[in-house]
Amino acid sequence: MGLFTKKSAFKKLTEQITNVIVGNPNLDETFYEELEESLILSDIGMETTEKIMEKLRERINQRYLTKPEDIKKALEAVIAECVDKGERNRMKEEYPLLILMIGINGGGKTTTIGKLTHYYKQKGKTVMLAAADTFRAAAADQLVRWGERTETRVIRHEEGTDPGAVLFDAIQAAKAAGTDVLLCDTAGRLQNKTNLMRELAKMNKIIDREYPEAARETLLVLDATTGKNAISQAAEFKETAEITGIVLTKMDGTARGGISITITDEFDLPIKFIGMGEGIDDLKEFDPKEFAGGMFDE
């Protein structure tokens, strides 16, 4: 199954761009202006859109492109370049691996943890979960349900207790069991940015001290349907954490693909996974070429 078997996530962007290309055979300034407007309306930021347009003009002029199909392929290649971060698009394959999951409440963070658990178990890895979002009511309960569904041990404390203590206990349990992957849920929202920064810094210090041998990933989970709000979240979390990658959720229906391009380009953050639905298998590894190609599939 391809990354974008469910094409509806990109339908609007595809239709807009195709209509502009087919409707402007002369490739005059009207063509470029309308294409630029379509990109912006598809949640691609102004700065990123300008980069795309500049590179597209270069390709069209250098290769003397005139056919709509060739122009679509050129635009596809430019977009693939924008989101391609090379090895950074792939998860570390060093074990033990500790993955800190961050993101606001309601963005699909806990569900993504469940899907990642399944993903690693399918790869033959042992997994443990840490319910360190102790500030949100029923967060641990939700994680426990995913643990039961995937037959995975969950380390939890009472609601309102110190998240660092949960992480500490989870690390000791993971080390004792020789666990390959420890997935840690974190608070999605605290009273202010300073508190969130302090909490994440504390958790990283615990990892440095108690689990220095573990490889580490910090994944920011963003709801693609929130459009420009997702960009704001990426900006805020990048200030508070050393993010190694993005997981974009809810790309199965109303989301416009442009948000993906903006976030990875403007913040130099690689996309690691995309959530395409509610099923446990609906978390796909990100592939830049497949991503760009999927935007123009009929």
C-alpha atoms as a PDB file:
ATOM      1  CA  MET A   1       0.000   0.000   0.000  1.00  0.00           C
ATOM      2  CA  GLY A   2       1.425   3.391  -0.985  1.00  0.00           C
ATOM      3  CA  LEU A   3       1.810   6.320   1.337  1.00  0.00           C
ATOM      4  CA  PHE A   4      -1.028   8.204  -0.292  1.00  0.00           C
ATOM      5  CA  THR A   5      -3.495   5.522  -1.233  1.00  0.00           C
ATOM      6  CA  LYS A   6      -6.099   7.770   0.410  1.00  0.00           C
ATOM      7  CA  LYS A   7      -5.844  10.657  -2.035  1.00  0.00           C
ATOM      8  CA  SER A   8      -8.466  12.975  -0.475  1.00  0.00           C
ATOM      9  CA  ALA A   9      -5.843  14.668   1.685  1.00  0.00           C
ATOM     10  CA  PHE A  10      -4.432  16.304  -1.443  1.00  0.00           C
ATOM     11  CA  LYS A  11      -7.487  16.510  -3.672  1.00  0.00           C
ATOM     12  CA  LYS A  12      -8.018  20.250  -3.316  1.00  0.00           C
ATOM     13  CA  LEU A  13      -4.368  21.146  -3.877  1.00  0.00           C
ATOM     14  CA  THR A  14      -4.148  18.782  -6.866  1.00  0.00           C
ATOM     15  CA  GLU A  15      -7.251  20.201  -8.520  1.00  0.00           C
ATOM     16  CA  GLN A  16      -6.191  23.818  -8.010  1.00  0.00           C
ATOM     17  CA  ILE A  17      -2.701  23.352  -9.417  1.00  0.00           C
ATOM     18  CA  THR A  18      -3.841  21.147 -12.304  1.00  0.00           C
ATOM     19  CA  ASN A  19      -6.481  23.705 -13.316  1.00  0.00           C
ATOM     20  CA  VAL A  20      -3.900  26.511 -13.316  1.00  0.00           C
ATOM     21  CA  ILE A  21      -1.380  24.550 -15.382  1.00  0.00           C
ATOM     22  CA  VAL A  22      -3.892  23.259 -17.929  1.00  0.00           C
ATOM     23  CA  GLY A  23      -5.710  26.602 -18.117  1.00  0.00           C
ATOM     24  CA  ASN A  24      -2.600  28.660 -18.876  1.00  0.00           C
ATOM     25  CA  PRO A  25      -0.808  27.034 -21.843  1.00  0.00           C
ATOM     26  CA  ASN A  26       1.235  30.170 -22.586  1.00  0.00           C
ATOM     27  CA  LEU A  27       3.134  30.109 -19.278  1.00  0.00           C
ATOM     28  CA  ASP A  28       2.873  33.893 -18.947  1.00  0.00           C
ATOM     29  CA  GLU A  29       2.928  35.941 -15.740  1.00  0.00           C
ATOM     30  CA  THR A  30      -0.764  35.199 -15.204  1.00  0.00           C
ATOM     31  CA  PHE A  31       0.140  31.520 -15.016  1.00  0.00           C
ATOM     32  CA  TYR A  32       2.814  32.109 -12.375  1.00  0.00           C
ATOM     33  CA  GLU A  33       0.586  34.446 -10.355  1.00  0.00           C
ATOM     34  CA  GLU A  34      -2.329  32.011 -10.339  1.00  0.00           C
ATOM     35  CA  LEU A  35      -0.085  29.079  -9.444  1.00  0.00           C
ATOM     36  CA  GLU A  36       1.474  31.054  -6.609  1.00  0.00           C
ATOM     37  CA  GLU A  37      -1.989  31.932  -5.301  1.00  0.00           C
ATOM     38  CA  SER A  38      -3.053  28.265  -5.447  1.00  0.00           C
ATOM     39  CA  LEU A  39      -0.028  27.201  -3.419  1.00  0.00           C
ATOM     40  CA  ILE A  40      -0.707  29.840  -0.763  1.00  0.00           C
ATOM     41  CA  LEU A  41      -4.387  28.902  -0.555  1.00  0.00           C
ATOM     42  CA  SER A  42      -3.311  25.300  -0.005  1.00  0.00           C
ATOM     43  CA  ASP A  43      -1.638  26.186   3.317  1.00  0.00           C
ATOM     44  CA  ILE A  44       1.841  26.596   1.877  1.00  0.00           C
ATOM     45  CA  GLY A  45       3.410  29.638   3.539  1.00  0.00           C
ATOM     46  CA  MET A  46       4.456  32.717   1.595  1.00  0.00           C
ATOM     47  CA  GLU A  47       8.193  32.184   2.120  1.00  0.00           C
ATOM     48  CA  THR A  48       8.036  28.539   1.080  1.00  0.00           C
ATOM     49  CA  THR A  49       5.816  29.364  -1.896  1.00  0.00           C
ATOM     50  CA  GLU A  50       8.329  31.926  -3.133  1.00  0.00           C
ATOM     51  CA  LYS A  51      11.118  29.326  -2.951  1.00  0.00           C
ATOM     52  CA  ILE A  52       9.009  26.813  -4.876  1.00  0.00           C
ATOM     53  CA  MET A  53       8.095  29.343  -7.562  1.00  0.00           C
ATOM     54  CA  GLU A  54      11.699  30.469  -8.025  1.00  0.00           C
ATOM     55  CA  LYS A  55      12.936  26.894  -8.451  1.00  0.00           C
ATOM     56  CA  LEU A  56      10.035  26.026 -10.754  1.00  0.00           C
ATOM     57  CA  ARG A  57      10.755  29.011 -13.025  1.00  0.00           C
ATOM     58  CA  GLU A  58      14.378  27.889 -13.259  1.00  0.00           C
ATOM     59  CA  ARG A  59      13.399  24.350 -14.251  1.00  0.00           C
ATOM     60  CA  ILE A  60      10.880  25.520 -16.833  1.00  0.00           C
ATOM     61  CA  ASN A  61      13.329  27.954 -18.418  1.00  0.00           C
ATOM     62  CA  GLN A  62      16.372  25.672 -18.316  1.00  0.00           C
ATOM     63  CA  ARG A  63      14.523  22.674 -19.746  1.00  0.00           C
ATOM     64  CA  TYR A  64      12.193  24.579 -22.091  1.00  0.00           C
ATOM     65  CA  LEU A  65       9.120  22.949 -20.592  1.00  0.00           C
ATOM     66  CA  THR A  66       5.757  23.708 -22.203  1.00  0.00           C
ATOM     67  CA  LYS A  67       3.526  20.664 -21.738  1.00  0.00           C
ATOM     68  CA  PRO A  68       1.252  20.654 -18.661  1.00  0.00           C
ATOM     69  CA  GLU A  69       2.362  17.127 -17.730  1.00  0.00           C
ATOM     70  CA  ASP A  70       6.030  18.137 -17.790  1.00  0.00           C
ATOM     71  CA  ILE A  71       5.306  21.201 -15.668  1.00  0.00           C
ATOM     72  CA  LYS A  72       3.446  19.087 -13.127  1.00  0.00           C
ATOM     73  CA  LYS A  73       6.418  16.734 -12.948  1.00  0.00           C
ATOM     74  CA  ALA A  74       8.784  19.682 -12.495  1.00  0.00           C
ATOM     75  CA  LEU A  75       6.640  21.076  -9.676  1.00  0.00           C
ATOM     76  CA  GLU A  76       6.503  17.599  -8.118  1.00  0.00           C
ATOM     77  CA  ALA A  77      10.314  17.420  -8.171  1.00  0.00           C
ATOM     78  CA  VAL A  78      10.663  20.877  -6.607  1.00  0.00           C
ATOM     79  CA  ILE A  79       8.250  19.983  -3.790  1.00  0.00           C
ATOM     80  CA  ALA A  80      10.070  16.696  -3.180  1.00  0.00           C
ATOM     81  CA  GLU A  81      13.319  18.660  -2.800  1.00  0.00           C
ATOM     82  CA  CYS A  82      11.656  20.999  -0.286  1.00  0.00           C
ATOM     83  CA  VAL A  83      10.595  18.193   2.044  1.00  0.00           C
ATOM     84  CA  ASP A  84      13.575  15.893   1.550  1.00  0.00           C
ATOM     85  CA  LYS A  85      15.849  16.002   4.606  1.00  0.00           C
ATOM     86  CA  GLY A  86      17.816  12.913   3.649  1.00  0.00           C
ATOM     87  CA  GLU A  87      18.674  10.567   6.507  1.00  0.00           C
ATOM     88  CA  ARG A  88      16.873  12.870   8.938  1.00  0.00           C
ATOM     89  CA  ASN A  89      13.529  11.711   7.479  1.00  0.00           C
ATOM     90  CA  ARG A  90      14.241   8.241   8.854  1.00  0.00           C
ATOM     91  CA  MET A  91      14.103   7.115  12.464  1.00  0.00           C
ATOM     92  CA  LYS A  92      17.320   6.111  14.171  1.00  0.00           C
ATOM     93  CA  GLU A  93      17.894   2.400  13.988  1.00  0.00           C
ATOM     94  CA  GLU A  94      20.053   2.196  17.094  1.00  0.00           C
ATOM     95  CA  TYR A  95      18.766   0.328  20.114  1.00  0.00           C
ATOM     96  CA  PRO A  96      17.876   0.828  22.881  1.00  0.00           C
ATOM     97  CA  LEU A  97      15.891   3.759  21.540  1.00  0.00           C
ATOM     98  CA  LEU A  98      13.962   6.248  23.678  1.00  0.00           C
ATOM     99  CA  ILE A  99      11.294   8.302  21.930  1.00  0.00           C
ATOM    100  CA  LEU A 100       9.846  11.385  23.641  1.00  0.00           C
ATOM    101  CA  MET A 101       6.433  12.246  22.198  1.00  0.00           C
ATOM    102  CA  ILE A 102       5.425  15.913  22.426  1.00  0.00           C
ATOM    103  CA  GLY A 103       2.476  17.934  21.120  1.00  0.00           C
ATOM    104  CA  ILE A 104      -0.706  19.603  22.306  1.00  0.00           C
ATOM    105  CA  ASN A 105      -3.657  17.659  23.685  1.00  0.00           C
ATOM    106  CA  GLY A 106      -6.064  16.556  20.991  1.00  0.00           C
ATOM    107  CA  GLY A 107      -3.461  16.401  18.230  1.00  0.00           C
ATOM    108  CA  GLY A 108      -3.345  12.610  18.126  1.00  0.00           C
ATOM    109  CA  LYS A 109      -0.261  12.122  20.320  1.00  0.00           C
ATOM    110  CA  THR A 110      -1.464   9.144  22.350  1.00  0.00           C
ATOM    111  CA  THR A 111      -2.983   7.443  19.312  1.00  0.00           C
ATOM    112  CA  THR A 112       0.307   7.934  17.470  1.00  0.00           C
ATOM    113  CA  ILE A 113       2.137   6.272  20.363  1.00  0.00           C
ATOM    114  CA  GLY A 114      -0.158   3.279  19.980  1.00  0.00           C
ATOM    115  CA  LYS A 115       0.497   3.110  16.240  1.00  0.00           C
ATOM    116  CA  LEU A 116       4.261   3.458  16.768  1.00  0.00           C
ATOM    117  CA  THR A 117       4.105   0.611  19.266  1.00  0.00           C
ATOM    118  CA  HIS A 118       2.510  -1.561  16.604  1.00  0.00           C
ATOM    119  CA  TYR A 119       5.026  -0.331  14.006  1.00  0.00           C
ATOM    120  CA  TYR A 120       8.019  -1.373  16.103  1.00  0.00           C
ATOM    121  CA  LYS A 121       6.468  -4.679  17.133  1.00  0.00           C
ATOM    122  CA  GLN A 122       5.923  -5.462  13.461  1.00  0.00           C
ATOM    123  CA  LYS A 123       9.671  -4.908  13.044  1.00  0.00           C
ATOM    124  CA  GLY A 124      10.314  -7.490  15.757  1.00  0.00           C
ATOM    125  CA  LYS A 125      11.272  -4.985  18.471  1.00  0.00           C
ATOM    126  CA  THR A 126      10.270  -5.100  22.123  1.00  0.00           C
ATOM    127  CA  VAL A 127       8.431  -1.992  23.312  1.00  0.00           C
ATOM    128  CA  MET A 128       7.500  -0.366  26.624  1.00  0.00           C
ATOM    129  CA  LEU A 129       5.316   2.704  27.233  1.00  0.00           C
ATOM    130  CA  ALA A 130       5.718   5.478  29.824  1.00  0.00           C
ATOM    131  CA  ALA A 131       2.572   7.423  30.770  1.00  0.00           C
ATOM    132  CA  ALA A 132       4.349  10.665  31.731  1.00  0.00           C
ATOM    133  CA  ASP A 133       1.461  12.972  30.779  1.00  0.00           C
ATOM    134  CA  THR A 134       0.272  13.023  34.372  1.00  0.00           C
ATOM    135  CA  PHE A 135      -1.430  16.428  34.124  1.00  0.00           C
ATOM    136  CA  ARG A 136      -4.255  15.425  31.782  1.00  0.00           C
ATOM    137  CA  ALA A 137      -7.202  13.526  33.139  1.00  0.00           C
ATOM    138  CA  ALA A 138      -7.359   9.960  31.838  1.00  0.00           C
ATOM    139  CA  ALA A 139      -4.199  10.329  29.714  1.00  0.00           C
ATOM    140  CA  ALA A 140      -2.650   7.294  31.384  1.00  0.00           C
ATOM    141  CA  ASP A 141      -5.897   5.343  31.008  1.00  0.00           C
ATOM    142  CA  GLN A 142      -5.883   6.025  27.276  1.00  0.00           C
ATOM    143  CA  LEU A 143      -2.291   4.839  27.012  1.00  0.00           C
ATOM    144  CA  VAL A 144      -3.095   1.715  29.033  1.00  0.00           C
ATOM    145  CA  ARG A 145      -5.842   0.850  26.550  1.00  0.00           C
ATOM    146  CA  TRP A 146      -3.286   1.039  23.753  1.00  0.00           C
ATOM    147  CA  GLY A 147      -0.977  -1.102  25.851  1.00  0.00           C
ATOM    148  CA  GLU A 148      -3.685  -3.727  26.195  1.00  0.00           C
ATOM    149  CA  ARG A 149      -4.460  -3.572  22.488  1.00  0.00           C
ATOM    150  CA  THR A 150      -0.829  -4.073  21.510  1.00  0.00           C
ATOM    151  CA  GLU A 151       0.089  -6.333  24.471  1.00  0.00           C
ATOM    152  CA  THR A 152       2.641  -3.809  25.715  1.00  0.00           C
ATOM    153  CA  ARG A 153       3.653  -2.987  29.280  1.00  0.00           C
ATOM    154  CA  VAL A 154       2.784   0.535  30.457  1.00  0.00           C
ATOM    155  CA  ILE A 155       4.564   2.276  33.341  1.00  0.00           C
ATOM    156  CA  ARG A 156       2.219   4.727  35.058  1.00  0.00           C
ATOM    157  CA  HIS A 157       1.726   6.659  38.314  1.00  0.00           C
ATOM    158  CA  GLU A 158      -1.263   8.408  39.810  1.00  0.00           C
ATOM    159  CA  GLU A 159      -2.690  11.463  38.040  1.00  0.00           C
ATOM    160  CA  GLY A 160      -0.924  14.681  39.035  1.00  0.00           C
ATOM    161  CA  THR A 161       2.328  13.047  40.124  1.00  0.00           C
ATOM    162  CA  ASP A 162       5.787  14.036  38.881  1.00  0.00           C
ATOM    163  CA  PRO A 163       6.240  13.106  35.180  1.00  0.00           C
ATOM    164  CA  GLY A 164       9.986  12.775  35.798  1.00  0.00           C
ATOM    165  CA  ALA A 165       9.337  10.042  38.337  1.00  0.00           C
ATOM    166  CA  VAL A 166       7.321   8.098  35.748  1.00  0.00           C
ATOM    167  CA  LEU A 167      10.118   8.437  33.232  1.00  0.00           C
ATOM    168  CA  PHE A 168      12.712   7.376  35.810  1.00  0.00           C
ATOM    169  CA  ASP A 169      10.760   4.227  36.677  1.00  0.00           C
ATOM    170  CA  ALA A 170      10.129   3.459  32.998  1.00  0.00           C
ATOM    171  CA  ILE A 171      13.828   3.724  32.200  1.00  0.00           C
ATOM    172  CA  GLN A 172      14.741   1.354  35.034  1.00  0.00           C
ATOM    173  CA  ALA A 173      12.072  -1.114  33.880  1.00  0.00           C
ATOM    174  CA  ALA A 174      13.196  -0.873  30.235  1.00  0.00           C
ATOM    175  CA  LYS A 175      16.834  -1.419  31.175  1.00  0.00           C
ATOM    176  CA  ALA A 176      15.976  -4.401  33.395  1.00  0.00           C
ATOM    177  CA  ALA A 177      13.902  -6.004  30.634  1.00  0.00           C
ATOM    178  CA  GLY A 178      16.369  -5.229  27.840  1.00  0.00           C
ATOM    179  CA  THR A 179      13.624  -3.363  25.966  1.00  0.00           C
ATOM    180  CA  ASP A 180      14.426  -2.128  22.459  1.00  0.00           C
ATOM    181  CA  VAL A 181      12.092   0.897  22.334  1.00  0.00           C
ATOM    182  CA  LEU A 182      10.751   3.035  25.188  1.00  0.00           C
ATOM    183  CA  LEU A 183       7.971   5.398  24.072  1.00  0.00           C
ATOM    184  CA  CYS A 184       7.269   8.223  26.501  1.00  0.00           C
ATOM    185  CA  ASP A 185       4.095  10.325  26.458  1.00  0.00           C
ATOM    186  CA  THR A 186       4.599  13.880  27.774  1.00  0.00           C
ATOM    187  CA  ALA A 187       2.356  16.728  28.906  1.00  0.00           C
ATOM    188  CA  GLY A 188       0.610  18.346  25.966  1.00  0.00           C
ATOM    189  CA  ARG A 189       0.038  21.644  27.679  1.00  0.00           C
ATOM    190  CA  LEU A 190       1.172  23.226  30.939  1.00  0.00           C
ATOM    191  CA  GLN A 191       0.339  26.632  32.444  1.00  0.00           C
ATOM    192  CA  ASN A 192       2.832  28.426  30.231  1.00  0.00           C
ATOM    193  CA  LYS A 193       5.740  27.920  27.849  1.00  0.00           C
ATOM    194  CA  THR A 194       8.314  28.327  30.624  1.00  0.00           C
ATOM    195  CA  ASN A 195       6.802  25.447  32.598  1.00  0.00           C
ATOM    196  CA  LEU A 196       6.719  23.249  29.506  1.00  0.00           C
ATOM    197  CA  MET A 197      10.346  24.075  28.707  1.00  0.00           C
ATOM    198  CA  ARG A 198      11.374  23.332  32.280  1.00  0.00           C
ATOM    199  CA  GLU A 199       9.510  20.005  32.296  1.00  0.00           C
ATOM    200  CA  LEU A 200      11.055  18.835  29.026  1.00  0.00           C
ATOM    201  CA  ALA A 201      14.531  19.943  30.164  1.00  0.00           C
ATOM    202  CA  LYS A 202      14.082  17.973  33.373  1.00  0.00           C
ATOM    203  CA  MET A 203      13.068  14.849  31.462  1.00  0.00           C
ATOM    204  CA  ASN A 204      16.090  15.120  29.182  1.00  0.00           C
ATOM    205  CA  LYS A 205      18.381  15.448  32.195  1.00  0.00           C
ATOM    206  CA  ILE A 206      16.906  12.251  33.631  1.00  0.00           C
ATOM    207  CA  ILE A 207      17.578  10.476  30.326  1.00  0.00           C
ATOM    208  CA  ASP A 208      21.140  11.841  30.200  1.00  0.00           C
ATOM    209  CA  ARG A 209      21.797  10.573  33.697  1.00  0.00           C
ATOM    210  CA  GLU A 210      19.888   7.292  33.740  1.00  0.00           C
ATOM    211  CA  TYR A 211      19.925   6.125  30.117  1.00  0.00           C
ATOM    212  CA  PRO A 212      22.968   7.609  28.336  1.00  0.00           C
ATOM    213  CA  GLU A 213      23.387   4.486  26.230  1.00  0.00           C
ATOM    214  CA  ALA A 214      19.996   4.960  24.557  1.00  0.00           C
ATOM    215  CA  ALA A 215      19.584   6.624  21.183  1.00  0.00           C
ATOM    216  CA  ARG A 216      16.987   9.375  21.370  1.00  0.00           C
ATOM    217  CA  GLU A 217      14.258  10.845  19.204  1.00  0.00           C
ATOM    218  CA  THR A 218      11.915  13.701  20.109  1.00  0.00           C
ATOM    219  CA  LEU A 219       8.849  13.635  17.876  1.00  0.00           C
ATOM    220  CA  LEU A 220       6.374  16.504  17.611  1.00  0.00           C
ATOM    221  CA  VAL A 221       2.867  15.313  16.754  1.00  0.00           C
ATOM    222  CA  LEU A 222       0.836  17.817  14.720  1.00  0.00           C
ATOM    223  CA  ASP A 223      -2.771  17.646  13.537  1.00  0.00           C
ATOM    224  CA  ALA A 224      -2.621  18.470   9.817  1.00  0.00           C
ATOM    225  CA  THR A 225      -6.274  19.595   9.781  1.00  0.00           C
ATOM    226  CA  THR A 226      -5.486  22.633  11.958  1.00  0.00           C
ATOM    227  CA  GLY A 227      -3.659  24.394   9.133  1.00  0.00           C
ATOM    228  CA  LYS A 228      -1.787  27.491  10.270  1.00  0.00           C
ATOM    229  CA  ASN A 229      -2.294  26.551  13.937  1.00  0.00           C
ATOM    230  CA  ALA A 230       0.024  23.598  13.307  1.00  0.00           C
ATOM    231  CA  ILE A 231       2.669  26.049  12.099  1.00  0.00           C
ATOM    232  CA  SER A 232       2.310  28.056  15.315  1.00  0.00           C
ATOM    233  CA  GLN A 233       2.644  24.887  17.376  1.00  0.00           C
ATOM    234  CA  ALA A 234       5.784  23.881  15.474  1.00  0.00           C
ATOM    235  CA  ALA A 235       7.298  27.304  16.182  1.00  0.00           C
ATOM    236  CA  GLU A 236       6.497  27.159  19.911  1.00  0.00           C
ATOM    237  CA  PHE A 237       7.636  23.598  20.479  1.00  0.00           C
ATOM    238  CA  LYS A 238      10.833  24.163  18.528  1.00  0.00           C
ATOM    239  CA  GLU A 239      11.681  26.857  21.088  1.00  0.00           C
ATOM    240  CA  THR A 240      11.120  24.453  23.987  1.00  0.00           C
ATOM    241  CA  ALA A 241      12.522  21.156  22.697  1.00  0.00           C
ATOM    242  CA  GLU A 242      15.220  19.725  20.449  1.00  0.00           C
ATOM    243  CA  ILE A 243      12.800  18.199  17.972  1.00  0.00           C
ATOM    244  CA  THR A 244      14.237  15.493  15.746  1.00  0.00           C
ATOM    245  CA  GLY A 245      11.135  14.910  13.649  1.00  0.00           C
ATOM    246  CA  ILE A 246       7.467  15.551  12.925  1.00  0.00           C
ATOM    247  CA  VAL A 247       4.531  13.164  12.856  1.00  0.00           C
ATOM    248  CA  LEU A 248       1.592  14.617  10.903  1.00  0.00           C
ATOM    249  CA  THR A 249      -1.744  13.110  11.895  1.00  0.00           C
ATOM    250  CA  LYS A 250      -5.229  13.172  10.337  1.00  0.00           C
ATOM    251  CA  MET A 251      -4.048  13.348   6.733  1.00  0.00           C
ATOM    252  CA  ASP A 252      -6.953  11.114   5.658  1.00  0.00           C
ATOM    253  CA  GLY A 253      -9.685  13.555   4.713  1.00  0.00           C
ATOM    254  CA  THR A 254      -9.914  17.308   5.211  1.00  0.00           C
ATOM    255  CA  ALA A 255      -6.211  18.096   5.507  1.00  0.00           C
ATOM    256  CA  ARG A 256      -4.532  20.048   2.754  1.00  0.00           C
ATOM    257  CA  GLY A 257      -1.073  18.813   1.876  1.00  0.00           C
ATOM    258  CA  GLY A 258       0.513  22.234   1.875  1.00  0.00           C
ATOM    259  CA  ILE A 259       0.936  22.360   5.639  1.00  0.00           C
ATOM    260  CA  SER A 260       3.439  19.511   5.412  1.00  0.00           C
ATOM    261  CA  ILE A 261       5.618  21.448   2.988  1.00  0.00           C
ATOM    262  CA  THR A 262       5.548  24.644   5.041  1.00  0.00           C
ATOM    263  CA  ILE A 263       6.529  23.045   8.329  1.00  0.00           C
ATOM    264  CA  THR A 264       9.420  21.010   6.999  1.00  0.00           C
ATOM    265  CA  ASP A 265      10.780  23.901   4.916  1.00  0.00           C
ATOM    266  CA  GLU A 266      10.357  26.894   7.237  1.00  0.00           C
ATOM    267  CA  PHE A 267      11.516  25.111  10.388  1.00  0.00           C
ATOM    268  CA  ASP A 268      13.989  22.679   8.800  1.00  0.00           C
ATOM    269  CA  LEU A 269      12.174  19.823  10.553  1.00  0.00           C
ATOM    270  CA  PRO A 270      12.043  16.406   8.899  1.00  0.00           C
ATOM    271  CA  ILE A 271       8.752  14.559   8.661  1.00  0.00           C
ATOM    272  CA  LYS A 272       9.189  11.015   9.974  1.00  0.00           C
ATOM    273  CA  PHE A 273       5.655   9.613   9.724  1.00  0.00           C
ATOM    274  CA  ILE A 274       2.222  10.530   8.417  1.00  0.00           C
ATOM    275  CA  GLY A 275      -1.011   9.274   9.944  1.00  0.00           C
ATOM    276  CA  MET A 276      -3.491   8.467   7.186  1.00  0.00           C
ATOM    277  CA  GLY A 277      -6.415   7.134   9.224  1.00  0.00           C
ATOM    278  CA  GLU A 278      -7.631   5.679  12.507  1.00  0.00           C
ATOM    279  CA  GLY A 279      -6.463   2.105  11.927  1.00  0.00           C
ATOM    280  CA  ILE A 280      -3.475   0.746  13.806  1.00  0.00           C
ATOM    281  CA  ASP A 281      -1.651   0.271  10.468  1.00  0.00           C
ATOM    282  CA  ASP A 282      -2.440   3.786   9.233  1.00  0.00           C
ATOM    283  CA  LEU A 283       0.927   5.258  10.178  1.00  0.00           C
ATOM    284  CA  LYS A 284       3.256   5.422   7.190  1.00  0.00           C
ATOM    285  CA  GLU A 285       6.944   6.189   6.955  1.00  0.00           C
ATOM    286  CA  PHE A 286       7.469   9.461   5.141  1.00  0.00           C
ATOM    287  CA  ASP A 287       8.930   9.296   1.647  1.00  0.00           C
ATOM    288  CA  PRO A 288       9.555  12.709  -0.024  1.00  0.00           C
ATOM    289  CA  LYS A 289       9.180  11.498  -3.621  1.00  0.00           C
ATOM    290  CA  GLU A 290       6.089   9.437  -2.887  1.00  0.00           C
ATOM    291  CA  PHE A 291       4.652  12.374  -0.942  1.00  0.00           C
ATOM    292  CA  ALA A 292       5.150  14.823  -3.825  1.00  0.00           C
ATOM    293  CA  GLY A 293       3.943  12.296  -6.393  1.00  0.00           C
ATOM    294  CA  GLY A 294       0.806  11.628  -4.378  1.00  0.00           C
ATOM    295  CA  MET A 295      -0.169  15.276  -4.620  1.00  0.00           C
ATOM    296  CA  PHE A 296      -0.718  14.933  -8.349  1.00  0.00           C
ATOM    297  CA  ASP A 297      -2.141  11.420  -8.645  1.00  0.00           C
ATOM    298  CA  GLU A 298      -5.551  11.354 -10.175  1.00  0.00           C
END
